[in-house]
C-alpha atoms as a PDB file:
ATOM      1  CA  UNK A   1       0.000   0.000   0.000  1.00  0.00           C
ATOM      2  CA  UNK A   2       1.108   3.556  -0.737  1.00  0.00           C
ATOM      3  CA  UNK A   3       3.167   4.827   2.206  1.00  0.00           C
ATOM      4  CA  UNK A   4       1.350   8.179   2.111  1.00  0.00           C
ATOM      5  CA  UNK A   5      -1.907   6.362   2.814  1.00  0.00           C
ATOM      6  CA  UNK A   6      -0.363   4.458   5.726  1.00  0.00           C
ATOM      7  CA  UNK A   7       1.067   7.700   7.118  1.00  0.00           C
ATOM      8  CA  UNK A   8      -2.319   9.401   6.824  1.00  0.00           C
ATOM      9  CA  UNK A   9      -3.993   6.548   8.699  1.00  0.00           C
ATOM     10  CA  UNK A  10      -1.323   6.819  11.392  1.00  0.00           C
ATOM     11  CA  UNK A  11      -2.068  10.536  11.692  1.00  0.00           C
ATOM     12  CA  UNK A  12      -5.788   9.829  11.927  1.00  0.00           C
ATOM     13  CA  UNK A  13      -5.389   7.231  14.672  1.00  0.00           C
ATOM     14  CA  UNK A  14      -2.908   9.236  16.748  1.00  0.00           C
ATOM     15  CA  UNK A  15      -3.742  12.902  16.268  1.00  0.00           C
ATOM     16  CA  UNK A  16      -6.948  14.943  16.563  1.00  0.00           C
ATOM     17  CA  UNK A  17      -7.851  14.461  12.887  1.00  0.00           C
ATOM     18  CA  UNK A  18     -11.608  14.310  12.369  1.00  0.00           C
ATOM     19  CA  UNK A  19     -12.917  11.326  10.452  1.00  0.00           C
ATOM     20  CA  UNK A  20     -14.496  13.479   7.742  1.00  0.00           C
ATOM     21  CA  UNK A  21     -11.169  15.263   7.168  1.00  0.00           C
ATOM     22  CA  UNK A  22      -9.354  11.929   7.109  1.00  0.00           C
ATOM     23  CA  UNK A  23     -11.797  10.558   4.504  1.00  0.00           C
ATOM     24  CA  UNK A  24     -11.457  13.668   2.322  1.00  0.00           C
ATOM     25  CA  UNK A  25      -7.677  13.371   2.315  1.00  0.00           C
ATOM     26  CA  UNK A  26      -7.879   9.629   1.731  1.00  0.00           C
ATOM     27  CA  UNK A  27     -10.101  10.212  -1.321  1.00  0.00           C
ATOM     28  CA  UNK A  28      -7.531  12.651  -2.703  1.00  0.00           C
ATOM     29  CA  UNK A  29      -4.784  10.068  -2.275  1.00  0.00           C
ATOM     30  CA  UNK A  30      -6.740   7.142  -3.721  1.00  0.00           C
ATOM     31  CA  UNK A  31      -8.687   8.937  -6.450  1.00  0.00           C
ATOM     32  CA  UNK A  32     -12.253   8.041  -5.494  1.00  0.00           C
ATOM     33  CA  UNK A  33     -14.553   7.307  -2.571  1.00  0.00           C
ATOM     34  CA  UNK A  34     -14.751   3.654  -3.635  1.00  0.00           C
ATOM     35  CA  UNK A  35     -10.976   3.319  -3.628  1.00  0.00           C
ATOM     36  CA  UNK A  36     -10.769   5.176  -0.317  1.00  0.00           C
ATOM     37  CA  UNK A  37     -13.220   2.791   1.346  1.00  0.00           C
ATOM     38  CA  UNK A  38     -11.329  -0.181  -0.059  1.00  0.00           C
ATOM     39  CA  UNK A  39      -8.058   1.171   1.342  1.00  0.00           C
ATOM     40  CA  UNK A  40      -9.668   1.854   4.724  1.00  0.00           C
ATOM     41  CA  UNK A  41     -10.971  -1.718   4.893  1.00  0.00           C
ATOM     42  CA  UNK A  42      -7.404  -2.933   4.414  1.00  0.00           C
ATOM     43  CA  UNK A  43      -6.020  -0.552   7.031  1.00  0.00           C
ATOM     44  CA  UNK A  44      -8.455  -1.352   9.826  1.00  0.00           C
ATOM     45  CA  UNK A  45      -7.666  -4.212  12.179  1.00  0.00           C
ATOM     46  CA  UNK A  46      -9.088  -7.669  11.566  1.00  0.00           C
ATOM     47  CA  UNK A  47      -9.773  -9.365  14.888  1.00  0.00           C
ATOM     48  CA  UNK A  48     -10.556 -12.608  13.077  1.00  0.00           C
ATOM     49  CA  UNK A  49      -6.765 -12.921  12.920  1.00  0.00           C
ATOM     50  CA  UNK A  50      -6.300 -12.182  16.617  1.00  0.00           C
ATOM     51  CA  UNK A  51      -5.967 -15.692  18.008  1.00  0.00           C
ATOM     52  CA  UNK A  52      -2.552 -17.321  17.676  1.00  0.00           C
ATOM     53  CA  UNK A  53      -2.896 -19.058  21.054  1.00  0.00           C
ATOM     54  CA  UNK A  54      -6.311 -20.344  22.032  1.00  0.00           C
ATOM     55  CA  UNK A  55      -7.784 -19.309  25.385  1.00  0.00           C
ATOM     56  CA  UNK A  56      -8.399 -23.033  25.821  1.00  0.00           C
ATOM     57  CA  UNK A  57      -4.748 -23.958  25.285  1.00  0.00           C
ATOM     58  CA  UNK A  58      -4.074 -26.615  27.918  1.00  0.00           C
ATOM     59  CA  UNK A  59      -0.613 -25.217  28.715  1.00  0.00           C
ATOM     60  CA  UNK A  60      -2.003 -22.036  30.268  1.00  0.00           C
ATOM     61  CA  UNK A  61      -4.933 -20.798  32.335  1.00  0.00           C
ATOM     62  CA  UNK A  62      -6.764 -17.527  31.746  1.00  0.00           C
ATOM     63  CA  UNK A  63      -9.317 -15.403  33.557  1.00  0.00           C
ATOM     64  CA  UNK A  64     -10.659 -11.880  33.837  1.00  0.00           C
ATOM     65  CA  UNK A  65      -9.654 -10.218  37.095  1.00  0.00           C
ATOM     66  CA  UNK A  66     -10.073  -6.919  38.915  1.00  0.00           C
ATOM     67  CA  UNK A  67      -7.756  -5.071  41.263  1.00  0.00           C
ATOM     68  CA  UNK A  68      -7.929  -1.788  43.227  1.00  0.00           C
ATOM     69  CA  UNK A  69      -6.933   1.268  41.222  1.00  0.00           C
ATOM     70  CA  UNK A  70      -6.439   4.949  41.969  1.00  0.00           C
ATOM     71  CA  UNK A  71      -8.967   6.563  44.283  1.00  0.00           C
ATOM     72  CA  UNK A  72     -11.213   3.540  44.646  1.00  0.00           C
ATOM     73  CA  UNK A  73     -11.351   2.760  40.940  1.00  0.00           C
ATOM     74  CA  UNK A  74     -11.842  -0.897  40.059  1.00  0.00           C
ATOM     75  CA  UNK A  75      -9.376  -1.857  37.353  1.00  0.00           C
ATOM     76  CA  UNK A  76     -10.140  -4.709  34.971  1.00  0.00           C
ATOM     77  CA  UNK A  77      -7.633  -7.005  33.349  1.00  0.00           C
ATOM     78  CA  UNK A  78      -7.082 -10.205  31.418  1.00  0.00           C
ATOM     79  CA  UNK A  79      -4.785 -12.578  33.307  1.00  0.00           C
ATOM     80  CA  UNK A  80      -2.925 -15.595  31.965  1.00  0.00           C
ATOM     81  CA  UNK A  81      -0.339 -17.887  33.541  1.00  0.00           C
ATOM     82  CA  UNK A  82       1.364 -21.215  32.926  1.00  0.00           C
ATOM     83  CA  UNK A  83      -0.834 -24.103  34.015  1.00  0.00           C
ATOM     84  CA  UNK A  84       1.940 -25.803  35.981  1.00  0.00           C
ATOM     85  CA  UNK A  85       2.211 -24.744  39.623  1.00  0.00           C
ATOM     86  CA  UNK A  86       5.236 -22.655  40.556  1.00  0.00           C
ATOM     87  CA  UNK A  87       6.486 -19.128  41.100  1.00  0.00           C
ATOM     88  CA  UNK A  88       6.883 -16.984  38.017  1.00  0.00           C
ATOM     89  CA  UNK A  89       8.070 -13.564  37.011  1.00  0.00           C
ATOM     90  CA  UNK A  90       5.218 -11.194  36.151  1.00  0.00           C
ATOM     91  CA  UNK A  91       4.647  -9.024  33.082  1.00  0.00           C
ATOM     92  CA  UNK A  92       2.127  -6.226  32.589  1.00  0.00           C
ATOM     93  CA  UNK A  93       0.995  -6.097  28.945  1.00  0.00           C
ATOM     94  CA  UNK A  94      -0.037  -2.612  27.807  1.00  0.00           C
ATOM     95  CA  UNK A  95      -2.365  -2.143  24.852  1.00  0.00           C
ATOM     96  CA  UNK A  96      -2.391   0.374  22.014  1.00  0.00           C
ATOM     97  CA  UNK A  97      -4.849   3.260  21.916  1.00  0.00           C
ATOM     98  CA  UNK A  98      -7.572   0.772  21.048  1.00  0.00           C
ATOM     99  CA  UNK A  99      -7.913  -0.638  24.553  1.00  0.00           C
ATOM    100  CA  UNK A 100      -7.863  -4.221  25.782  1.00  0.00           C
ATOM    101  CA  UNK A 101      -8.952  -6.011  22.621  1.00  0.00           C
ATOM    102  CA  UNK A 102      -8.673  -9.608  21.322  1.00  0.00           C
ATOM    103  CA  UNK A 103      -5.192  -8.965  19.910  1.00  0.00           C
ATOM    104  CA  UNK A 104      -3.773  -7.788  23.245  1.00  0.00           C
ATOM    105  CA  UNK A 105      -5.450 -10.686  25.025  1.00  0.00           C
ATOM    106  CA  UNK A 106      -3.641 -12.966  22.590  1.00  0.00           C
ATOM    107  CA  UNK A 107      -0.334 -11.214  23.315  1.00  0.00           C
ATOM    108  CA  UNK A 108      -1.032 -11.754  27.015  1.00  0.00           C
ATOM    109  CA  UNK A 109      -1.424 -15.472  26.369  1.00  0.00           C
ATOM    110  CA  UNK A 110       1.847 -15.464  24.427  1.00  0.00           C
ATOM    111  CA  UNK A 111       3.642 -14.041  27.454  1.00  0.00           C
ATOM    112  CA  UNK A 112       2.078 -16.677  29.711  1.00  0.00           C
ATOM    113  CA  UNK A 113       3.064 -19.458  27.339  1.00  0.00           C
ATOM    114  CA  UNK A 114       6.656 -18.207  27.558  1.00  0.00           C
ATOM    115  CA  UNK A 115       6.566 -18.880  31.313  1.00  0.00           C
ATOM    116  CA  UNK A 116       5.291 -15.749  33.072  1.00  0.00           C
ATOM    117  CA  UNK A 117       2.305 -14.365  34.910  1.00  0.00           C
ATOM    118  CA  UNK A 118       0.808 -11.969  32.361  1.00  0.00           C
ATOM    119  CA  UNK A 119      -1.721  -9.228  32.986  1.00  0.00           C
ATOM    120  CA  UNK A 120      -3.280  -7.235  30.181  1.00  0.00           C
ATOM    121  CA  UNK A 121      -4.674  -4.175  31.931  1.00  0.00           C
ATOM    122  CA  UNK A 122      -7.682  -2.309  30.536  1.00  0.00           C
ATOM    123  CA  UNK A 123      -6.685   1.351  30.862  1.00  0.00           C
ATOM    124  CA  UNK A 124     -10.262   2.361  30.051  1.00  0.00           C
ATOM    125  CA  UNK A 125     -11.635   0.662  33.181  1.00  0.00           C
ATOM    126  CA  UNK A 126     -12.415   4.029  34.855  1.00  0.00           C
ATOM    127  CA  UNK A 127     -14.582   4.873  31.823  1.00  0.00           C
ATOM    128  CA  UNK A 128     -16.487   1.608  31.806  1.00  0.00           C
ATOM    129  CA  UNK A 129     -13.937  -0.534  30.003  1.00  0.00           C
ATOM    130  CA  UNK A 130     -12.927  -0.971  26.374  1.00  0.00           C
ATOM    131  CA  UNK A 131     -15.918  -0.659  24.005  1.00  0.00           C
ATOM    132  CA  UNK A 132     -16.258  -2.966  21.010  1.00  0.00           C
ATOM    133  CA  UNK A 133     -16.063  -0.118  18.500  1.00  0.00           C
ATOM    134  CA  UNK A 134     -12.416   0.751  17.842  1.00  0.00           C
ATOM    135  CA  UNK A 135     -13.058   4.384  16.929  1.00  0.00           C
ATOM    136  CA  UNK A 136     -15.067   4.869  20.118  1.00  0.00           C
ATOM    137  CA  UNK A 137     -12.230   3.316  22.132  1.00  0.00           C
ATOM    138  CA  UNK A 138      -9.652   5.673  20.622  1.00  0.00           C
ATOM    139  CA  UNK A 139     -11.822   8.638  21.471  1.00  0.00           C
ATOM    140  CA  UNK A 140     -11.946   7.714  25.153  1.00  0.00           C
ATOM    141  CA  UNK A 141      -8.197   7.964  25.701  1.00  0.00           C
ATOM    142  CA  UNK A 142      -8.313  11.764  25.719  1.00  0.00           C
ATOM    143  CA  UNK A 143     -10.574  11.528  28.773  1.00  0.00           C
ATOM    144  CA  UNK A 144      -8.020   9.656  30.886  1.00  0.00           C
ATOM    145  CA  UNK A 145      -6.141  11.578  33.570  1.00  0.00           C
ATOM    146  CA  UNK A 146      -2.469  10.888  32.834  1.00  0.00           C
ATOM    147  CA  UNK A 147      -1.322  10.743  36.462  1.00  0.00           C
ATOM    148  CA  UNK A 148      -4.233   8.573  37.603  1.00  0.00           C
ATOM    149  CA  UNK A 149      -3.738   6.293  34.617  1.00  0.00           C
ATOM    150  CA  UNK A 150      -0.055   5.869  35.472  1.00  0.00           C
ATOM    151  CA  UNK A 151      -0.939   5.043  39.074  1.00  0.00           C
ATOM    152  CA  UNK A 152      -3.532   2.513  37.914  1.00  0.00           C
ATOM    153  CA  UNK A 153      -0.802   0.658  36.042  1.00  0.00           C
ATOM    154  CA  UNK A 154       1.653   0.950  38.933  1.00  0.00           C
ATOM    155  CA  UNK A 155      -0.988  -0.715  41.106  1.00  0.00           C
ATOM    156  CA  UNK A 156      -1.084  -3.615  38.635  1.00  0.00           C
ATOM    157  CA  UNK A 157       2.400  -4.532  39.848  1.00  0.00           C
ATOM    158  CA  UNK A 158       1.129  -4.439  43.441  1.00  0.00           C
ATOM    159  CA  UNK A 159      -1.568  -6.909  42.443  1.00  0.00           C
ATOM    160  CA  UNK A 160       0.909  -9.218  40.714  1.00  0.00           C
ATOM    161  CA  UNK A 161       3.506  -9.125  43.478  1.00  0.00           C
ATOM    162  CA  UNK A 162       0.781  -9.926  45.996  1.00  0.00           C
ATOM    163  CA  UNK A 163       0.013 -13.231  44.284  1.00  0.00           C
ATOM    164  CA  UNK A 164       1.461 -16.413  45.774  1.00  0.00           C
ATOM    165  CA  UNK A 165       2.568 -17.583  42.328  1.00  0.00           C
ATOM    166  CA  UNK A 166       4.755 -14.504  41.695  1.00  0.00           C
ATOM    167  CA  UNK A 167       8.515 -14.672  42.289  1.00  0.00           C
ATOM    168  CA  UNK A 168       8.643 -10.920  42.978  1.00  0.00           C
ATOM    169  CA  UNK A 169      10.281  -9.925  39.678  1.00  0.00           C
ATOM    170  CA  UNK A 170       8.253  -7.718  37.359  1.00  0.00           C
ATOM    171  CA  UNK A 171       8.475  -6.332  33.839  1.00  0.00           C
ATOM    172  CA  UNK A 172       6.247  -4.770  31.219  1.00  0.00           C
ATOM    173  CA  UNK A 173       5.748  -4.692  27.468  1.00  0.00           C
ATOM    174  CA  UNK A 174       3.697  -2.079  25.670  1.00  0.00           C
ATOM    175  CA  UNK A 175       2.710  -1.165  22.135  1.00  0.00           C
ATOM    176  CA  UNK A 176       2.207   2.331  20.671  1.00  0.00           C
ATOM    177  CA  UNK A 177       0.268   4.161  23.447  1.00  0.00           C
ATOM    178  CA  UNK A 178       1.323   1.264  25.647  1.00  0.00           C
ATOM    179  CA  UNK A 179       4.932   1.611  24.509  1.00  0.00           C
ATOM    180  CA  UNK A 180       4.947   5.184  25.753  1.00  0.00           C
ATOM    181  CA  UNK A 181       3.457   3.993  29.037  1.00  0.00           C
ATOM    182  CA  UNK A 182       6.081   1.243  29.318  1.00  0.00           C
ATOM    183  CA  UNK A 183       8.700   3.978  29.173  1.00  0.00           C
ATOM    184  CA  UNK A 184       6.849   5.920  31.867  1.00  0.00           C
ATOM    185  CA  UNK A 185       6.631   2.840  34.077  1.00  0.00           C
ATOM    186  CA  UNK A 186      10.390   2.393  33.700  1.00  0.00           C
ATOM    187  CA  UNK A 187      10.767   5.938  35.047  1.00  0.00           C
ATOM    188  CA  UNK A 188       8.243   5.560  37.866  1.00  0.00           C
ATOM    189  CA  UNK A 189       8.625   1.974  39.149  1.00  0.00           C
ATOM    190  CA  UNK A 190      12.042   1.703  40.812  1.00  0.00           C
ATOM    191  CA  UNK A 191      11.988  -2.081  41.260  1.00  0.00           C
ATOM    192  CA  UNK A 192      10.889  -2.844  37.693  1.00  0.00           C
ATOM    193  CA  UNK A 193      13.356  -5.297  36.160  1.00  0.00           C
ATOM    194  CA  UNK A 194      12.596  -4.974  32.446  1.00  0.00           C
ATOM    195  CA  UNK A 195      10.606  -2.566  30.273  1.00  0.00           C
ATOM    196  CA  UNK A 196       9.985  -3.255  26.583  1.00  0.00           C
ATOM    197  CA  UNK A 197       8.491  -0.507  24.434  1.00  0.00           C
ATOM    198  CA  UNK A 198       7.280  -1.141  20.902  1.00  0.00           C
ATOM    199  CA  UNK A 199       7.123   2.103  18.875  1.00  0.00           C
ATOM    200  CA  UNK A 200       6.278   4.155  21.957  1.00  0.00           C
ATOM    201  CA  UNK A 201       6.791   7.834  22.655  1.00  0.00           C
ATOM    202  CA  UNK A 202       9.901   8.491  24.701  1.00  0.00           C
ATOM    203  CA  UNK A 203      10.011   9.987  28.226  1.00  0.00           C
ATOM    204  CA  UNK A 204      11.554  13.360  29.002  1.00  0.00           C
ATOM    205  CA  UNK A 205      15.331  13.145  28.981  1.00  0.00           C
ATOM    206  CA  UNK A 206      15.409  14.698  32.472  1.00  0.00           C
ATOM    207  CA  UNK A 207      13.508  11.681  33.832  1.00  0.00           C
ATOM    208  CA  UNK A 208      15.757   9.021  32.326  1.00  0.00           C
ATOM    209  CA  UNK A 209      18.204   8.883  35.283  1.00  0.00           C
ATOM    210  CA  UNK A 210      15.313   7.533  37.395  1.00  0.00           C
ATOM    211  CA  UNK A 211      15.178   4.354  35.296  1.00  0.00           C
ATOM    212  CA  UNK A 212      16.534   1.275  37.066  1.00  0.00           C
ATOM    213  CA  UNK A 213      15.050  -1.345  34.726  1.00  0.00           C
ATOM    214  CA  UNK A 214      16.734  -2.773  31.658  1.00  0.00           C
ATOM    215  CA  UNK A 215      15.055  -1.055  28.701  1.00  0.00           C
ATOM    216  CA  UNK A 216      14.466  -2.568  25.274  1.00  0.00           C
ATOM    217  CA  UNK A 217      13.103  -0.384  22.478  1.00  0.00           C
ATOM    218  CA  UNK A 218      11.642  -1.499  19.132  1.00  0.00           C
ATOM    219  CA  UNK A 219      10.889   0.915  16.282  1.00  0.00           C
ATOM    220  CA  UNK A 220       9.720   0.615  12.694  1.00  0.00           C
ATOM    221  CA  UNK A 221      12.138   2.280  10.297  1.00  0.00           C
ATOM    222  CA  UNK A 222       9.281   4.051   8.467  1.00  0.00           C
ATOM    223  CA  UNK A 223       7.720   5.438  11.663  1.00  0.00           C
ATOM    224  CA  UNK A 224       8.998   9.013  11.374  1.00  0.00           C
ATOM    225  CA  UNK A 225       6.545  10.396  13.940  1.00  0.00           C
ATOM    226  CA  UNK A 226       7.752   8.271  16.858  1.00  0.00           C
ATOM    227  CA  UNK A 227      11.338   7.854  15.681  1.00  0.00           C
ATOM    228  CA  UNK A 228      11.980  11.589  15.946  1.00  0.00           C
ATOM    229  CA  UNK A 229      12.417  11.105  19.705  1.00  0.00           C
ATOM    230  CA  UNK A 230      14.986   8.303  19.524  1.00  0.00           C
ATOM    231  CA  UNK A 231      18.239  10.353  19.498  1.00  0.00           C
ATOM    232  CA  UNK A 232      17.461  12.359  22.643  1.00  0.00           C
ATOM    233  CA  UNK A 233      16.255   9.252  24.500  1.00  0.00           C
ATOM    234  CA  UNK A 234      19.286   7.200  23.544  1.00  0.00           C
ATOM    235  CA  UNK A 235      21.656  10.013  24.493  1.00  0.00           C
ATOM    236  CA  UNK A 236      19.980  10.300  27.900  1.00  0.00           C
ATOM    237  CA  UNK A 237      20.140   6.523  28.431  1.00  0.00           C
ATOM    238  CA  UNK A 238      23.848   6.490  27.621  1.00  0.00           C
ATOM    239  CA  UNK A 239      24.531   9.451  29.880  1.00  0.00           C
ATOM    240  CA  UNK A 240      22.630   7.832  32.765  1.00  0.00           C
ATOM    241  CA  UNK A 241      24.417   4.505  32.323  1.00  0.00           C
ATOM    242  CA  UNK A 242      21.078   2.699  31.892  1.00  0.00           C
ATOM    243  CA  UNK A 243      21.111  -0.811  30.444  1.00  0.00           C
ATOM    244  CA  UNK A 244      19.263  -0.513  27.155  1.00  0.00           C
ATOM    245  CA  UNK A 245      18.848  -1.929  23.659  1.00  0.00           C
ATOM    246  CA  UNK A 246      17.491  -0.048  20.641  1.00  0.00           C
ATOM    247  CA  UNK A 247      16.329  -1.890  17.537  1.00  0.00           C
ATOM    248  CA  UNK A 248      15.104  -0.217  14.350  1.00  0.00           C
ATOM    249  CA  UNK A 249      13.494  -2.530  11.794  1.00  0.00           C
ATOM    250  CA  UNK A 250      14.080  -1.113   8.328  1.00  0.00           C
ATOM    251  CA  UNK A 251      11.072  -1.155   6.045  1.00  0.00           C
ATOM    252  CA  UNK A 252       8.678  -1.680   8.960  1.00  0.00           C
ATOM    253  CA  UNK A 253       5.847   0.683   9.832  1.00  0.00           C
ATOM    254  CA  UNK A 254       4.367   1.801  13.109  1.00  0.00           C
ATOM    255  CA  UNK A 255       2.364  -1.118  14.596  1.00  0.00           C
ATOM    256  CA  UNK A 256       4.507  -3.655  12.751  1.00  0.00           C
ATOM    257  CA  UNK A 257       3.931  -6.179  15.568  1.00  0.00           C
ATOM    258  CA  UNK A 258       0.136  -6.114  15.300  1.00  0.00           C
ATOM    259  CA  UNK A 259      -0.853  -9.154  13.239  1.00  0.00           C
ATOM    260  CA  UNK A 260      -4.471  -7.947  13.079  1.00  0.00           C
ATOM    261  CA  UNK A 261      -3.361  -4.856  11.085  1.00  0.00           C
ATOM    262  CA  UNK A 262      -2.577  -6.476   7.708  1.00  0.00           C
ATOM    263  CA  UNK A 263      -1.172  -3.462   5.869  1.00  0.00           C
ATOM    264  CA  UNK A 264       1.314  -2.601   8.628  1.00  0.00           C
ATOM    265  CA  UNK A 265       2.149  -6.002  10.124  1.00  0.00           C
ATOM    266  CA  UNK A 266       5.688  -7.112   9.315  1.00  0.00           C
ATOM    267  CA  UNK A 267       6.082 -10.781  10.154  1.00  0.00           C
ATOM    268  CA  UNK A 268       9.882 -10.880  10.065  1.00  0.00           C
ATOM    269  CA  UNK A 269      10.285  -7.781  12.235  1.00  0.00           C
ATOM    270  CA  UNK A 270       7.576  -8.916  14.657  1.00  0.00           C
ATOM    271  CA  UNK A 271       9.131 -12.364  15.081  1.00  0.00           C
ATOM    272  CA  UNK A 272      12.618 -10.982  15.702  1.00  0.00           C
ATOM    273  CA  UNK A 273      11.372  -8.292  18.099  1.00  0.00           C
ATOM    274  CA  UNK A 274       9.398 -10.869  20.087  1.00  0.00           C
ATOM    275  CA  UNK A 275      12.411 -13.188  20.316  1.00  0.00           C
ATOM    276  CA  UNK A 276      14.443 -10.288  21.694  1.00  0.00           C
ATOM    277  CA  UNK A 277      11.671  -9.404  24.136  1.00  0.00           C
ATOM    278  CA  UNK A 278      11.508 -12.927  25.548  1.00  0.00           C
ATOM    279  CA  UNK A 279      15.299 -13.107  25.773  1.00  0.00           C
ATOM    280  CA  UNK A 280      15.291  -9.989  27.979  1.00  0.00           C
ATOM    281  CA  UNK A 281      12.487 -11.332  30.150  1.00  0.00           C
ATOM    282  CA  UNK A 282      14.337 -14.632  30.579  1.00  0.00           C
ATOM    283  CA  UNK A 283      17.438 -12.763  31.714  1.00  0.00           C
ATOM    284  CA  UNK A 284      15.646 -10.410  34.124  1.00  0.00           C
ATOM    285  CA  UNK A 285      12.490 -12.134  35.396  1.00  0.00           C
ATOM    286  CA  UNK A 286      13.272 -15.800  35.925  1.00  0.00           C
END
């Protein structure tokens, strides 16, 4: 697909671009309303492709849980763990700006299958939870209070560390909006062992010295919007002496790991990035 179309869709899903303005610009790029609607159908996620690991997989167990959030809020989450009894490292899985959807639940199961307690938190819990309509979900993120949202995710680690099956070591992995939050959790959770951010906005350089976790960063080479912040972040990480890895996957777009987004998913980059993610977790959480 034309890269200009992909970039326009990225702008629409991440900036305050009204749908009618997005459609008008998409028509200009594609040549007609029919072609624009065809392109949009290809760009939008396909949750039929969301299940790579069945919820009924007999190697793991899954359930929906709640835990106490900021100011009496009840936070919702999707929890998965290896079926075999034992103590495991714990990973918070942080969704994109679409909320806790079938794709992120599948990613949560992938983490569990790799040998960890995995919790996919629904950031939209204070607003009633993630709605089924993706566009409606995206619109709700502007209503979240940034500080309260951060605290709600910090409390997810309290929940996990309070479980008898947790070994006390925690990490996180986030994508897009969740990648930015993974970076913020690295800044704000001193005992975090590992933070993995997929194409996420970077924290302020002044906050980087607070990071104690090992940080792993994955970016698509074509993702100019997010990649603009890489140099300052990497310089700050080097200056602070933080353990970090930065990987840029040439030819890959923003959201390259999302296998329900067919026009942006890059199988080779996603596979390699996931292998690197699990290698870090094995080193820091087991």
